């Protein structure tokens, strides 16, 4: 099915990256799902700093977010 766009909603709970060390090189892996440089962290997790515990947010491509629960 060429031309069909698939979309999915993925729930992420982490608010920061995970360090992965290979030899002496550290890479930061995105765990929040907001990085535009997947799978690597680009700092967008900082947007999650003021999220309230127990609430669910949807982040939009323009950088805004909506509380959905």
N, C-alpha and C. Protein backbone atom coordinates (compact mmCIF):
# COMPACT_ATOMS: atom_id res chain seq x y z
N UNK A 1 0.84 -1.18 0.00
CA UNK A 1 0.00 0.00 0.00
C UNK A 1 0.88 1.24 0.00
N UNK A 2 1.35 1.60 -1.12
CA UNK A 2 2.18 2.79 -1.25
C UNK A 2 1.34 4.05 -1.05
N UNK A 3 1.95 5.04 -0.42
CA UNK A 3 1.26 6.31 -0.24
C UNK A 3 0.42 6.39 1.02
N UNK A 4 0.21 5.29 1.70
CA UNK A 4 -0.59 5.31 2.91
C UNK A 4 0.31 5.64 4.11
N UNK A 5 -0.11 6.60 4.91
CA UNK A 5 0.67 6.99 6.08
C UNK A 5 0.17 6.21 7.29
N UNK A 6 1.10 5.58 7.99
CA UNK A 6 0.75 4.84 9.19
C UNK A 6 1.12 5.70 10.39
N UNK A 7 0.28 5.76 11.37
CA UNK A 7 0.55 6.53 12.59
C UNK A 7 0.21 5.68 13.79
N UNK A 8 0.95 5.91 14.86
CA UNK A 8 0.65 5.21 16.10
C UNK A 8 0.95 6.10 17.28
N UNK A 9 0.21 5.93 18.33
CA UNK A 9 0.40 6.67 19.57
C UNK A 9 1.20 5.77 20.51
N UNK A 10 2.36 6.23 20.95
CA UNK A 10 3.23 5.44 21.80
C UNK A 10 3.37 6.14 23.15
N UNK A 11 3.14 5.43 24.22
CA UNK A 11 3.26 6.00 25.56
C UNK A 11 4.70 5.85 26.04
N UNK A 12 5.33 6.97 26.37
CA UNK A 12 6.70 7.00 26.91
C UNK A 12 6.62 7.61 28.30
N UNK A 13 7.33 7.05 29.26
CA UNK A 13 7.28 7.56 30.62
C UNK A 13 8.59 8.22 31.07
N UNK A 14 9.69 7.91 30.41
CA UNK A 14 10.96 8.50 30.81
C UNK A 14 11.03 9.96 30.39
N UNK A 15 11.77 10.75 31.17
CA UNK A 15 11.90 12.19 30.90
C UNK A 15 13.32 12.58 30.54
N UNK A 16 14.17 11.61 30.34
CA UNK A 16 15.55 11.92 30.00
C UNK A 16 16.18 10.80 29.21
N UNK A 17 17.37 11.03 28.71
CA UNK A 17 18.04 10.04 27.87
C UNK A 17 18.73 8.94 28.68
N UNK A 18 19.13 7.88 27.98
CA UNK A 18 19.88 6.78 28.58
C UNK A 18 21.27 6.79 27.95
N UNK A 19 22.28 6.76 28.81
CA UNK A 19 23.66 6.73 28.32
C UNK A 19 24.04 5.31 27.92
N UNK A 20 24.63 5.18 26.74
CA UNK A 20 25.14 3.90 26.27
C UNK A 20 26.61 4.11 25.95
N UNK A 21 27.47 3.34 26.62
CA UNK A 21 28.90 3.51 26.45
C UNK A 21 29.48 2.32 25.69
N UNK A 22 30.19 2.62 24.61
CA UNK A 22 30.88 1.61 23.82
C UNK A 22 32.34 2.05 23.77
N UNK A 23 33.20 1.21 24.32
CA UNK A 23 34.61 1.58 24.49
C UNK A 23 34.65 2.86 25.33
N UNK A 24 35.22 3.92 24.82
CA UNK A 24 35.29 5.18 25.56
C UNK A 24 34.35 6.24 25.02
N UNK A 25 33.39 5.82 24.21
CA UNK A 25 32.46 6.76 23.59
C UNK A 25 31.07 6.59 24.21
N UNK A 26 30.50 7.70 24.69
CA UNK A 26 29.16 7.67 25.26
C UNK A 26 28.18 8.28 24.26
N UNK A 27 27.11 7.57 24.00
CA UNK A 27 26.01 8.06 23.16
C UNK A 27 24.77 8.14 24.04
N UNK A 28 23.95 9.14 23.81
CA UNK A 28 22.73 9.33 24.59
C UNK A 28 21.54 8.93 23.73
N UNK A 29 20.77 7.95 24.21
CA UNK A 29 19.62 7.41 23.50
C UNK A 29 18.34 8.07 24.03
N UNK A 30 17.50 8.53 23.13
CA UNK A 30 16.24 9.18 23.50
C UNK A 30 15.31 8.16 24.16
N UNK A 31 14.81 8.50 25.32
CA UNK A 31 13.87 7.64 26.02
C UNK A 31 12.50 8.31 26.18
N UNK A 32 12.42 9.61 25.83
CA UNK A 32 11.15 10.33 25.98
C UNK A 32 10.31 10.29 24.70
N UNK A 33 10.96 10.02 23.57
CA UNK A 33 10.25 9.95 22.30
C UNK A 33 10.12 11.26 21.55
N UNK A 34 10.67 12.36 22.09
CA UNK A 34 10.51 13.67 21.47
C UNK A 34 11.66 14.09 20.56
N UNK A 35 12.76 13.36 20.58
CA UNK A 35 13.92 13.74 19.78
C UNK A 35 13.61 13.70 18.30
N UNK A 36 14.08 14.70 17.59
CA UNK A 36 13.94 14.74 16.13
C UNK A 36 15.11 14.01 15.48
N UNK A 37 16.02 13.48 16.31
CA UNK A 37 17.22 12.78 15.83
C UNK A 37 17.23 11.34 16.34
N UNK A 38 16.07 10.67 16.30
CA UNK A 38 15.95 9.30 16.80
C UNK A 38 16.99 8.39 16.17
N UNK A 39 17.56 7.48 16.90
CA UNK A 39 17.28 7.14 18.29
C UNK A 39 18.09 7.96 19.29
N UNK A 40 18.80 8.99 18.81
CA UNK A 40 19.67 9.75 19.70
C UNK A 40 18.95 10.95 20.32
N UNK A 41 19.40 11.34 21.50
CA UNK A 41 18.83 12.47 22.23
C UNK A 41 19.26 13.78 21.57
N UNK A 42 18.32 14.72 21.45
CA UNK A 42 18.65 16.06 20.96
C UNK A 42 18.26 17.14 21.97
N UNK A 43 17.92 16.73 23.20
CA UNK A 43 17.59 17.68 24.26
C UNK A 43 16.12 18.02 24.38
N UNK A 44 15.28 17.50 23.49
CA UNK A 44 13.86 17.82 23.55
C UNK A 44 13.17 17.30 24.81
N UNK A 45 13.81 16.39 25.55
CA UNK A 45 13.22 15.89 26.79
C UNK A 45 13.01 17.00 27.81
N UNK A 46 13.69 18.12 27.63
CA UNK A 46 13.54 19.25 28.56
C UNK A 46 12.11 19.78 28.55
N UNK A 47 11.37 19.53 27.47
CA UNK A 47 9.97 19.95 27.39
C UNK A 47 9.10 19.22 28.41
N UNK A 48 9.57 18.08 28.91
CA UNK A 48 8.77 17.27 29.84
C UNK A 48 8.97 17.67 31.30
N UNK A 49 9.85 18.62 31.57
CA UNK A 49 10.23 18.96 32.95
C UNK A 49 9.05 19.38 33.82
N UNK A 50 8.05 20.04 33.26
CA UNK A 50 6.93 20.51 34.07
C UNK A 50 5.68 19.64 33.93
N UNK A 51 5.82 18.44 33.39
CA UNK A 51 4.68 17.53 33.34
C UNK A 51 4.25 17.14 34.75
N UNK A 52 2.95 17.01 34.94
CA UNK A 52 2.43 16.61 36.23
C UNK A 52 2.32 15.09 36.31
N UNK A 53 2.71 14.54 37.44
CA UNK A 53 2.64 13.10 37.68
C UNK A 53 1.22 12.60 37.51
N UNK A 54 1.06 11.49 36.81
CA UNK A 54 -0.24 10.87 36.64
C UNK A 54 -1.04 11.39 35.46
N UNK A 55 -0.52 12.41 34.77
CA UNK A 55 -1.23 12.94 33.61
C UNK A 55 -0.55 12.44 32.34
N UNK A 56 -1.32 12.39 31.25
CA UNK A 56 -0.80 11.94 29.96
C UNK A 56 -0.89 13.12 29.00
N UNK A 57 0.20 13.34 28.27
CA UNK A 57 0.28 14.46 27.33
C UNK A 57 0.54 13.94 25.92
N UNK A 58 0.00 14.65 24.96
CA UNK A 58 0.29 14.39 23.56
C UNK A 58 1.08 15.59 23.06
N UNK A 59 2.25 15.31 22.46
CA UNK A 59 3.10 16.37 21.91
C UNK A 59 2.86 16.46 20.41
N UNK A 60 2.76 17.69 19.92
CA UNK A 60 2.45 17.95 18.53
C UNK A 60 3.71 18.37 17.76
N UNK A 61 3.73 18.19 16.45
CA UNK A 61 4.92 18.54 15.65
C UNK A 61 5.36 20.00 15.81
N UNK A 62 4.44 20.90 16.13
CA UNK A 62 4.81 22.30 16.27
C UNK A 62 5.40 22.63 17.64
N UNK A 63 5.58 21.59 18.50
CA UNK A 63 6.20 21.77 19.80
C UNK A 63 5.23 21.99 20.95
N UNK A 64 3.95 22.15 20.64
CA UNK A 64 2.96 22.32 21.69
C UNK A 64 2.53 20.95 22.22
N UNK A 65 1.85 20.96 23.33
CA UNK A 65 1.33 19.70 23.89
C UNK A 65 -0.08 19.90 24.40
N UNK A 66 -0.81 18.79 24.48
CA UNK A 66 -2.17 18.77 24.97
C UNK A 66 -2.26 17.70 26.04
N UNK A 67 -2.91 18.04 27.15
CA UNK A 67 -3.15 17.03 28.18
C UNK A 67 -4.33 16.19 27.70
N UNK A 68 -4.14 14.87 27.64
CA UNK A 68 -5.21 14.01 27.14
C UNK A 68 -5.82 13.15 28.25
N UNK A 69 -5.25 13.21 29.44
CA UNK A 69 -5.84 12.47 30.56
C UNK A 69 -5.38 13.06 31.84
